[in-house]
């Protein structure tokens, strides 16, 4: 019988890419991981790791065994979730990763409600980009991710993960108050085809969506400035440096130097909860999704 803890060490190396990262994830020392792998190699009679430069990688045998380990751990997670579903009390720890506006707009309502309804549940919330959160859910480092997509740029999730809609958000256009369209009842993106833009940093979901959407107007967008926080973007808009897309969820104070104008047709983004399929029956996940949806209701 293969030792489960040794198998967990091998799987962690494959998931995290190095001995040191695997050791950090399992809260042990790298030498302890090495000892576990050495014992596992003796158990199975195969070399499971090979040196590559300063690091290590799984051999073919190691990859085969790691793949079986993932399926074995998935079965164990399903068993834990089914046992959890039999309990009448929602308890334990729930780790959530969420993007900034979801934290500002939903968490201050959802988390106190969760605490009131389920006092034995401990929630740990961390701000992160949706792609990072999904990766951590897939790896098992967090339990639930809040991710987003836009109507014209759908979100894909890896095999083994499930998702459910939480909230539909509408975005407007932030314009300098002296802009010719600042007091319009609505604008179209084609009205702003010649404007400078202020965007999220390159490589983020929202930046890629903005570039794709603006290119759909038939011109290459002029993105002049990049800022991750909406407050910074609005400061730049207020200084007359360009236009920006401003979602309504988690919207803070808009400076007097900025006007917010609706877009026709509406720019809609969808907020999803994402979790591992093998944890779908965990009561903490179900309770959190329900609380997040309630927080998004007007």
Protein backbone atom coordinates (compact mmCIF):
# COMPACT_ATOMS: atom_id res chain seq x y z
CA UNK A 1 0.00 0.00 0.00
CA UNK A 2 1.41 3.38 -1.05
CA UNK A 3 1.77 5.79 1.85
CA UNK A 4 -0.68 8.67 1.41
CA UNK A 5 1.50 11.38 2.96
CA UNK A 6 4.42 10.46 0.71
CA UNK A 7 2.07 10.59 -2.24
CA UNK A 8 0.95 14.04 -1.10
CA UNK A 9 4.58 15.23 -1.17
CA UNK A 10 5.03 14.03 -4.74
CA UNK A 11 1.78 15.61 -5.84
CA UNK A 12 2.77 18.92 -4.24
CA UNK A 13 6.06 19.01 -6.15
CA UNK A 14 4.16 18.51 -9.40
CA UNK A 15 1.58 21.17 -8.48
CA UNK A 16 3.99 23.83 -7.16
CA UNK A 17 6.98 23.16 -9.37
CA UNK A 18 9.77 22.82 -6.82
CA UNK A 19 10.79 21.17 -3.55
CA UNK A 20 10.84 24.47 -1.69
CA UNK A 21 7.41 25.56 -2.95
CA UNK A 22 5.94 22.16 -2.12
CA UNK A 23 7.47 22.33 1.35
CA UNK A 24 5.98 25.78 1.93
CA UNK A 25 2.56 24.57 0.80
CA UNK A 26 2.67 21.55 3.11
CA UNK A 27 4.25 23.51 5.97
CA UNK A 28 7.26 21.23 6.24
CA UNK A 29 10.98 21.54 5.42
CA UNK A 30 12.44 20.76 1.98
CA UNK A 31 14.54 18.01 3.57
CA UNK A 32 11.36 16.41 4.93
CA UNK A 33 9.90 16.43 1.40
CA UNK A 34 13.09 14.86 0.03
CA UNK A 35 12.94 12.10 2.64
CA UNK A 36 9.30 11.38 1.81
CA UNK A 37 10.12 11.12 -1.90
CA UNK A 38 13.10 8.81 -1.22
CA UNK A 39 10.85 6.48 0.79
CA UNK A 40 8.17 6.61 -1.90
CA UNK A 41 10.71 5.71 -4.58
CA UNK A 42 11.71 2.66 -2.55
CA UNK A 43 8.04 1.72 -2.13
CA UNK A 44 7.24 1.81 -5.84
CA UNK A 45 10.67 0.80 -7.19
CA UNK A 46 10.84 3.77 -9.57
CA UNK A 47 12.74 7.04 -9.82
CA UNK A 48 10.16 9.77 -9.40
CA UNK A 49 12.24 12.96 -9.52
CA UNK A 50 15.16 14.07 -11.64
CA UNK A 51 17.42 17.07 -11.31
CA UNK A 52 17.10 19.86 -13.89
CA UNK A 53 19.60 22.65 -13.30
CA UNK A 54 18.94 23.94 -9.80
CA UNK A 55 15.47 22.45 -9.66
CA UNK A 56 13.72 19.13 -10.02
CA UNK A 57 10.96 17.75 -12.20
CA UNK A 58 8.82 14.64 -12.18
CA UNK A 59 9.97 11.69 -14.24
CA UNK A 60 7.47 9.87 -16.45
CA UNK A 61 6.79 7.49 -13.56
CA UNK A 62 6.43 10.46 -11.22
CA UNK A 63 3.88 12.09 -13.53
CA UNK A 64 1.87 8.87 -13.74
CA UNK A 65 1.84 8.50 -9.96
CA UNK A 66 1.05 12.20 -9.42
CA UNK A 67 -1.92 11.91 -11.77
CA UNK A 68 -3.29 8.98 -9.78
CA UNK A 69 -2.62 10.94 -6.59
CA UNK A 70 -4.77 13.83 -7.82
CA UNK A 71 -7.66 11.44 -8.49
CA UNK A 72 -7.20 9.79 -5.09
CA UNK A 73 -7.23 13.13 -3.28
CA UNK A 74 -10.29 14.16 -5.27
CA UNK A 75 -12.14 11.06 -4.04
CA UNK A 76 -11.12 11.89 -0.49
CA UNK A 77 -12.35 15.48 -0.89
CA UNK A 78 -15.67 14.17 -2.18
CA UNK A 79 -15.95 11.90 0.85
CA UNK A 80 -15.21 14.83 3.18
CA UNK A 81 -17.80 16.97 1.38
CA UNK A 82 -20.47 14.27 1.63
CA UNK A 83 -19.81 13.81 5.33
CA UNK A 84 -19.89 17.58 5.76
CA UNK A 85 -23.28 17.72 3.98
CA UNK A 86 -24.73 15.37 6.62
CA UNK A 87 -23.97 17.78 9.45
CA UNK A 88 -26.56 20.31 10.58
CA UNK A 89 -23.94 22.94 11.49
CA UNK A 90 -21.89 24.96 8.97
CA UNK A 91 -18.45 25.09 10.54
CA UNK A 92 -14.73 25.03 9.86
CA UNK A 93 -12.66 27.36 7.69
CA UNK A 94 -13.50 28.74 4.25
CA UNK A 95 -10.78 30.44 2.18
CA UNK A 96 -12.04 32.89 -0.46
CA UNK A 97 -10.10 34.77 -3.15
CA UNK A 98 -11.87 37.73 -4.77
CA UNK A 99 -11.12 40.71 -7.00
CA UNK A 100 -11.17 44.19 -5.51
CA UNK A 101 -14.63 45.47 -6.47
CA UNK A 102 -16.28 42.21 -5.41
CA UNK A 103 -14.64 42.62 -2.00
CA UNK A 104 -15.79 46.23 -1.71
CA UNK A 105 -19.28 45.66 -3.10
CA UNK A 106 -20.27 42.24 -1.78
CA UNK A 107 -18.05 41.13 1.12
CA UNK A 108 -19.06 43.85 3.64
CA UNK A 109 -22.66 42.61 3.36
CA UNK A 110 -22.12 38.89 2.80
CA UNK A 111 -19.51 38.14 5.45
CA UNK A 112 -21.33 39.65 8.46
CA UNK A 113 -24.46 37.74 7.37
CA UNK A 114 -22.43 34.53 7.17
CA UNK A 115 -20.99 35.18 10.62
CA UNK A 116 -24.43 35.83 12.10
CA UNK A 117 -26.01 32.73 10.52
CA UNK A 118 -23.03 30.40 11.00
CA UNK A 119 -20.90 31.53 13.97
CA UNK A 120 -18.78 28.36 13.83
CA UNK A 121 -17.64 29.15 10.29
CA UNK A 122 -14.35 31.08 9.91
CA UNK A 123 -13.93 32.91 6.62
CA UNK A 124 -10.54 34.06 5.34
CA UNK A 125 -10.77 36.55 2.47
CA UNK A 126 -7.90 37.64 0.24
CA UNK A 127 -7.85 40.10 -2.66
CA UNK A 128 -6.46 38.69 -5.91
CA UNK A 129 -6.97 38.70 -9.66
CA UNK A 130 -9.61 36.24 -10.96
CA UNK A 131 -7.12 34.14 -12.92
CA UNK A 132 -4.91 33.80 -9.84
CA UNK A 133 -7.89 32.87 -7.68
CA UNK A 134 -9.04 30.20 -10.12
CA UNK A 135 -5.54 28.70 -10.21
CA UNK A 136 -5.46 28.54 -6.40
CA UNK A 137 -8.89 26.88 -6.28
CA UNK A 138 -7.73 24.33 -8.84
CA UNK A 139 -4.64 23.63 -6.74
CA UNK A 140 -6.65 23.42 -3.51
CA UNK A 141 -4.97 26.42 -1.85
CA UNK A 142 -8.30 28.24 -1.47
CA UNK A 143 -11.86 26.94 -1.43
CA UNK A 144 -13.82 29.54 -3.37
CA UNK A 145 -12.97 32.17 -5.97
CA UNK A 146 -14.95 35.17 -7.13
CA UNK A 147 -14.20 35.68 -10.81
CA UNK A 148 -15.66 37.83 -13.55
CA UNK A 149 -16.23 37.97 -17.26
CA UNK A 150 -17.92 40.32 -19.72
CA UNK A 151 -20.84 39.59 -22.02
CA UNK A 152 -18.59 39.61 -25.09
CA UNK A 153 -15.65 37.81 -23.44
CA UNK A 154 -16.81 34.70 -21.51
CA UNK A 155 -14.83 33.13 -18.69
CA UNK A 156 -13.49 29.62 -19.12
CA UNK A 157 -12.84 27.43 -16.10
CA UNK A 158 -10.56 24.37 -16.06
CA UNK A 159 -11.91 20.83 -15.89
CA UNK A 160 -12.72 19.79 -12.35
CA UNK A 161 -14.09 23.19 -11.35
CA UNK A 162 -17.67 24.38 -11.17
CA UNK A 163 -19.12 27.87 -11.20
CA UNK A 164 -22.39 29.62 -10.37
CA UNK A 165 -23.55 33.17 -11.13
CA UNK A 166 -23.49 35.58 -8.20
CA UNK A 167 -24.13 39.06 -9.58
CA UNK A 168 -24.54 40.95 -12.87
CA UNK A 169 -22.81 44.32 -12.86
CA UNK A 170 -23.20 47.26 -15.25
CA UNK A 171 -20.33 49.58 -16.17
CA UNK A 172 -20.51 53.23 -17.20
CA UNK A 173 -17.99 55.56 -18.81
CA UNK A 174 -16.12 58.07 -16.65
CA UNK A 175 -15.35 61.30 -18.53
CA UNK A 176 -13.64 64.56 -17.55
CA UNK A 177 -16.29 67.15 -16.65
CA UNK A 178 -15.18 69.37 -19.56
CA UNK A 179 -15.61 66.55 -22.12
CA UNK A 180 -18.18 67.41 -24.86
CA UNK A 181 -20.26 64.35 -23.89
CA UNK A 182 -19.89 64.70 -20.11
CA UNK A 183 -23.53 65.75 -19.67
CA UNK A 184 -25.06 63.43 -22.25
CA UNK A 185 -27.84 61.07 -21.16
CA UNK A 186 -25.86 58.18 -22.68
CA UNK A 187 -22.97 57.46 -25.04
CA UNK A 188 -21.93 54.71 -27.41
CA UNK A 189 -18.39 53.42 -27.61
CA UNK A 190 -18.20 54.65 -31.18
CA UNK A 191 -18.80 58.18 -29.84
CA UNK A 192 -15.50 57.82 -27.97
CA UNK A 193 -13.45 56.12 -30.68
CA UNK A 194 -11.02 59.03 -30.92
CA UNK A 195 -10.59 59.51 -27.16
CA UNK A 196 -7.59 58.62 -25.04
CA UNK A 197 -8.28 55.86 -22.51
CA UNK A 198 -7.14 54.94 -19.03
CA UNK A 199 -7.03 51.19 -18.47
CA UNK A 200 -6.25 48.50 -15.95
CA UNK A 201 -2.71 47.16 -16.16
CA UNK A 202 -1.81 45.01 -19.16
CA UNK A 203 -2.46 41.28 -18.80
CA UNK A 204 -5.52 41.63 -16.56
CA UNK A 205 -8.94 40.35 -17.62
CA UNK A 206 -10.41 43.86 -17.67
CA UNK A 207 -7.59 45.32 -19.76
CA UNK A 208 -7.81 42.53 -22.34
CA UNK A 209 -11.59 42.94 -22.48
CA UNK A 210 -11.32 46.71 -22.92
CA UNK A 211 -8.82 46.42 -25.77
CA UNK A 212 -10.95 43.79 -27.54
CA UNK A 213 -14.14 45.81 -27.06
CA UNK A 214 -12.68 49.09 -28.28
CA UNK A 215 -11.07 47.39 -31.28
CA UNK A 216 -14.56 46.21 -32.15
CA UNK A 217 -15.32 49.83 -33.03
CA UNK A 218 -12.95 49.52 -35.98
CA UNK A 219 -10.02 51.52 -34.60
CA UNK A 220 -6.97 50.76 -32.53
CA UNK A 221 -7.66 52.23 -29.06
CA UNK A 222 -5.30 54.85 -27.67
CA UNK A 223 -4.62 53.65 -24.14
CA UNK A 224 -2.36 56.27 -22.62
CA UNK A 225 -2.29 55.41 -18.91
CA UNK A 226 -2.57 52.26 -16.79
CA UNK A 227 -3.75 52.05 -13.18
CA UNK A 228 -5.00 49.09 -11.15
CA UNK A 229 -7.25 50.97 -8.70
CA UNK A 230 -10.41 52.76 -9.77
CA UNK A 231 -9.67 55.70 -7.48
CA UNK A 232 -6.41 56.27 -9.37
CA UNK A 233 -8.13 55.93 -12.73
CA UNK A 234 -10.76 58.48 -11.68
CA UNK A 235 -8.05 60.92 -10.58
CA UNK A 236 -6.50 60.67 -14.03
CA UNK A 237 -9.89 61.08 -15.70
CA UNK A 238 -10.58 64.15 -13.55
CA UNK A 239 -7.28 65.64 -14.70
CA UNK A 240 -8.51 65.43 -18.29
CA UNK A 241 -6.17 62.63 -19.30
CA UNK A 242 -8.73 60.27 -20.81
CA UNK A 243 -11.88 58.21 -20.40
CA UNK A 244 -12.27 55.06 -18.29
CA UNK A 245 -14.76 52.24 -17.81
CA UNK A 246 -16.29 52.36 -14.31
CA UNK A 247 -18.30 49.35 -13.01
CA UNK A 248 -21.06 50.11 -10.52
CA UNK A 249 -20.21 47.27 -8.10
CA UNK A 250 -18.04 48.58 -5.29
CA UNK A 251 -18.00 52.05 -6.79
CA UNK A 252 -16.51 54.60 -4.44
CA UNK A 253 -16.79 58.37 -4.38
CA UNK A 254 -16.60 59.95 -7.83
CA UNK A 255 -14.60 63.23 -7.88
CA UNK A 256 -16.39 66.46 -8.79
CA UNK A 257 -14.11 66.71 -11.82
CA UNK A 258 -15.56 63.48 -13.32
CA UNK A 259 -18.91 62.75 -14.94
CA UNK A 260 -20.28 59.20 -15.15
CA UNK A 261 -22.33 58.46 -18.28
CA UNK A 262 -24.28 55.25 -19.12
CA UNK A 263 -23.33 53.30 -22.23
CA UNK A 264 -25.68 52.06 -24.95
CA UNK A 265 -25.75 49.12 -25.41
CA UNK A 266 -24.95 48.42 -21.76
CA UNK A 267 -21.54 47.07 -20.76
CA UNK A 268 -22.31 44.11 -18.50
CA UNK A 269 -19.92 41.93 -16.55
CA UNK A 270 -20.88 38.77 -14.70
CA UNK A 271 -19.53 37.78 -11.29
CA UNK A 272 -19.20 34.05 -10.59
CA UNK A 273 -18.33 31.86 -7.66
CA UNK A 274 -15.88 29.09 -8.66
CA UNK A 275 -15.05 25.99 -6.63
CA UNK A 276 -13.74 22.45 -7.04
CA UNK A 277 -16.34 19.98 -8.27
CA UNK A 278 -15.24 17.45 -5.66
CA UNK A 279 -16.14 19.96 -2.93
CA UNK A 280 -19.55 20.85 -4.36
CA UNK A 281 -21.47 19.48 -1.37
CA UNK A 282 -19.52 21.38 1.27
CA UNK A 283 -22.04 23.29 3.32
CA UNK A 284 -19.64 26.21 3.84
CA UNK A 285 -19.34 26.75 0.08
CA UNK A 286 -23.10 26.57 -0.41
CA UNK A 287 -23.70 28.98 2.47
CA UNK A 288 -21.12 31.45 1.14
CA UNK A 289 -22.60 31.45 -2.37
CA UNK A 290 -26.07 32.07 -0.93
CA UNK A 291 -24.77 34.97 1.18
CA UNK A 292 -22.91 36.52 -1.76
CA UNK A 293 -26.01 36.33 -3.96
CA UNK A 294 -28.12 37.93 -1.24
CA UNK A 295 -25.54 40.70 -0.89
CA UNK A 296 -25.95 41.49 -4.58
CA UNK A 297 -29.73 41.78 -4.41
CA UNK A 298 -31.03 45.36 -4.38
